[in-house]
Amino acid sequence: MNNFFNDLQDKINQAFESSPAKDIERNVKAMMTQGFSKLDLVTREEFDVQAQVLAKTRAKLEALELRVAELEAKLAAETKA
């Protein structure tokens, strides 16, 4: 009985491989690949790396803004004295 189902599955796969549906699938895949290649896309890995770089840069910027505010406050206090 198991052989019957295996043979049936093989015949269905063979029919699908030679059917117009498989040709349509290949053509659609090729068109999508060509369309995506024209777009300016990045991989998920590249996106994640840039997100990490941005987070680090944002943290440094916030630290520098705080430092500038402290220095401005110190300068203002010295000017008043």
C-alpha atoms as a PDB file:
ATOM      1  CA  MET A   1       0.000   0.000   0.000  1.00  0.00           C
ATOM      2  CA  ASN A   2       2.893   2.335   0.847  1.00  0.00           C
ATOM      3  CA  ASN A   3       4.413   1.689  -2.597  1.00  0.00           C
ATOM      4  CA  PHE A   4       1.130   2.669  -4.207  1.00  0.00           C
ATOM      5  CA  PHE A   5       1.186   6.070  -2.499  1.00  0.00           C
ATOM      6  CA  ASN A   6       4.872   6.594  -3.287  1.00  0.00           C
ATOM      7  CA  ASP A   7       4.248   5.765  -6.956  1.00  0.00           C
ATOM      8  CA  LEU A   8       1.210   8.034  -7.005  1.00  0.00           C
ATOM      9  CA  GLN A   9       3.216  10.870  -5.469  1.00  0.00           C
ATOM     10  CA  ASP A  10       6.011  10.368  -8.003  1.00  0.00           C
ATOM     11  CA  LYS A  11       3.542  10.464 -10.895  1.00  0.00           C
ATOM     12  CA  ILE A  12       1.918  13.614  -9.547  1.00  0.00           C
ATOM     13  CA  ASN A  13       5.331  15.257  -9.157  1.00  0.00           C
ATOM     14  CA  GLN A  14       6.273  14.269 -12.715  1.00  0.00           C
ATOM     15  CA  ALA A  15       3.006  15.623 -14.051  1.00  0.00           C
ATOM     16  CA  PHE A  16       3.513  18.881 -12.176  1.00  0.00           C
ATOM     17  CA  GLU A  17       7.106  19.232 -13.407  1.00  0.00           C
ATOM     18  CA  SER A  18       5.950  18.967 -17.029  1.00  0.00           C
ATOM     19  CA  SER A  19       2.773  20.990 -16.589  1.00  0.00           C
ATOM     20  CA  PRO A  20       2.219  24.601 -17.657  1.00  0.00           C
ATOM     21  CA  ALA A  21       1.908  25.489 -13.963  1.00  0.00           C
ATOM     22  CA  LYS A  22       5.615  24.784 -13.459  1.00  0.00           C
ATOM     23  CA  ASP A  23       6.489  26.954 -16.459  1.00  0.00           C
ATOM     24  CA  ILE A  24       4.342  29.751 -15.071  1.00  0.00           C
ATOM     25  CA  GLU A  25       6.038  29.396 -11.689  1.00  0.00           C
ATOM     26  CA  ARG A  26       9.496  29.632 -13.298  1.00  0.00           C
ATOM     27  CA  ASN A  27       8.478  32.659 -15.386  1.00  0.00           C
ATOM     28  CA  VAL A  28       6.953  34.495 -12.433  1.00  0.00           C
ATOM     29  CA  LYS A  29      10.017  33.744 -10.320  1.00  0.00           C
ATOM     30  CA  ALA A  30      12.319  35.054 -13.077  1.00  0.00           C
ATOM     31  CA  MET A  31      10.246  38.227 -13.488  1.00  0.00           C
ATOM     32  CA  MET A  32      10.214  38.856  -9.742  1.00  0.00           C
ATOM     33  CA  THR A  33      13.959  38.283  -9.492  1.00  0.00           C
ATOM     34  CA  GLN A  34      14.529  40.711 -12.350  1.00  0.00           C
ATOM     35  CA  GLY A  35      12.197  43.274 -10.750  1.00  0.00           C
ATOM     36  CA  PHE A  36      13.870  42.986  -7.365  1.00  0.00           C
ATOM     37  CA  SER A  37      17.313  43.364  -8.908  1.00  0.00           C
ATOM     38  CA  LYS A  38      16.253  46.784 -10.245  1.00  0.00           C
ATOM     39  CA  LEU A  39      15.254  47.952  -6.768  1.00  0.00           C
ATOM     40  CA  ASP A  40      17.734  49.311  -4.274  1.00  0.00           C
ATOM     41  CA  LEU A  41      17.246  46.611  -1.634  1.00  0.00           C
ATOM     42  CA  VAL A  42      19.489  45.468   1.196  1.00  0.00           C
ATOM     43  CA  THR A  43      19.690  42.114   2.894  1.00  0.00           C
ATOM     44  CA  ARG A  44      18.294  41.595   6.370  1.00  0.00           C
ATOM     45  CA  GLU A  45      21.848  41.173   7.672  1.00  0.00           C
ATOM     46  CA  GLU A  46      22.922  44.521   6.221  1.00  0.00           C
ATOM     47  CA  PHE A  47      19.835  46.161   7.685  1.00  0.00           C
ATOM     48  CA  ASP A  48      20.513  44.707  11.151  1.00  0.00           C
ATOM     49  CA  VAL A  49      24.149  45.862  11.054  1.00  0.00           C
ATOM     50  CA  GLN A  50      23.116  49.390  10.078  1.00  0.00           C
ATOM     51  CA  ALA A  51      20.459  49.431  12.811  1.00  0.00           C
ATOM     52  CA  GLN A  52      23.141  48.551  15.370  1.00  0.00           C
ATOM     53  CA  VAL A  53      25.456  51.261  14.024  1.00  0.00           C
ATOM     54  CA  LEU A  54      22.606  53.773  14.224  1.00  0.00           C
ATOM     55  CA  ALA A  55      21.803  52.788  17.827  1.00  0.00           C
ATOM     56  CA  LYS A  56      25.450  53.235  18.860  1.00  0.00           C
ATOM     57  CA  THR A  57      25.643  56.569  17.046  1.00  0.00           C
ATOM     58  CA  ARG A  58      22.443  57.761  18.708  1.00  0.00           C
ATOM     59  CA  ALA A  59      23.813  56.814  22.146  1.00  0.00           C
ATOM     60  CA  LYS A  60      27.051  58.709  21.470  1.00  0.00           C
ATOM     61  CA  LEU A  61      25.107  61.734  20.243  1.00  0.00           C
ATOM     62  CA  GLU A  62      22.973  61.768  23.388  1.00  0.00           C
ATOM     63  CA  ALA A  63      26.102  61.551  25.557  1.00  0.00           C
ATOM     64  CA  LEU A  64      27.710  64.418  23.650  1.00  0.00           C
ATOM     65  CA  GLU A  65      24.547  66.543  23.939  1.00  0.00           C
ATOM     66  CA  LEU A  66      24.558  65.962  27.683  1.00  0.00           C
ATOM     67  CA  ARG A  67      28.251  66.869  27.903  1.00  0.00           C
ATOM     68  CA  VAL A  68      27.701  70.081  25.890  1.00  0.00           C
ATOM     69  CA  ALA A  69      24.795  71.047  28.156  1.00  0.00           C
ATOM     70  CA  GLU A  70      26.982  70.471  31.232  1.00  0.00           C
ATOM     71  CA  LEU A  71      29.801  72.561  29.782  1.00  0.00           C
ATOM     72  CA  GLU A  72      27.387  75.347  28.819  1.00  0.00           C
ATOM     73  CA  ALA A  73      25.942  75.343  32.337  1.00  0.00           C
ATOM     74  CA  LYS A  74      29.426  75.450  33.836  1.00  0.00           C
ATOM     75  CA  LEU A  75      30.447  78.301  31.526  1.00  0.00           C
ATOM     76  CA  ALA A  76      27.272  80.233  32.373  1.00  0.00           C
ATOM     77  CA  ALA A  77      27.928  79.750  36.102  1.00  0.00           C
ATOM     78  CA  GLU A  78      31.524  80.974  35.740  1.00  0.00           C
ATOM     79  CA  THR A  79      30.401  84.000  33.713  1.00  0.00           C
ATOM     80  CA  LYS A  80      27.930  85.028  36.465  1.00  0.00           C
ATOM     81  CA  ALA A  81      30.557  84.762  39.165  1.00  0.00           C
END
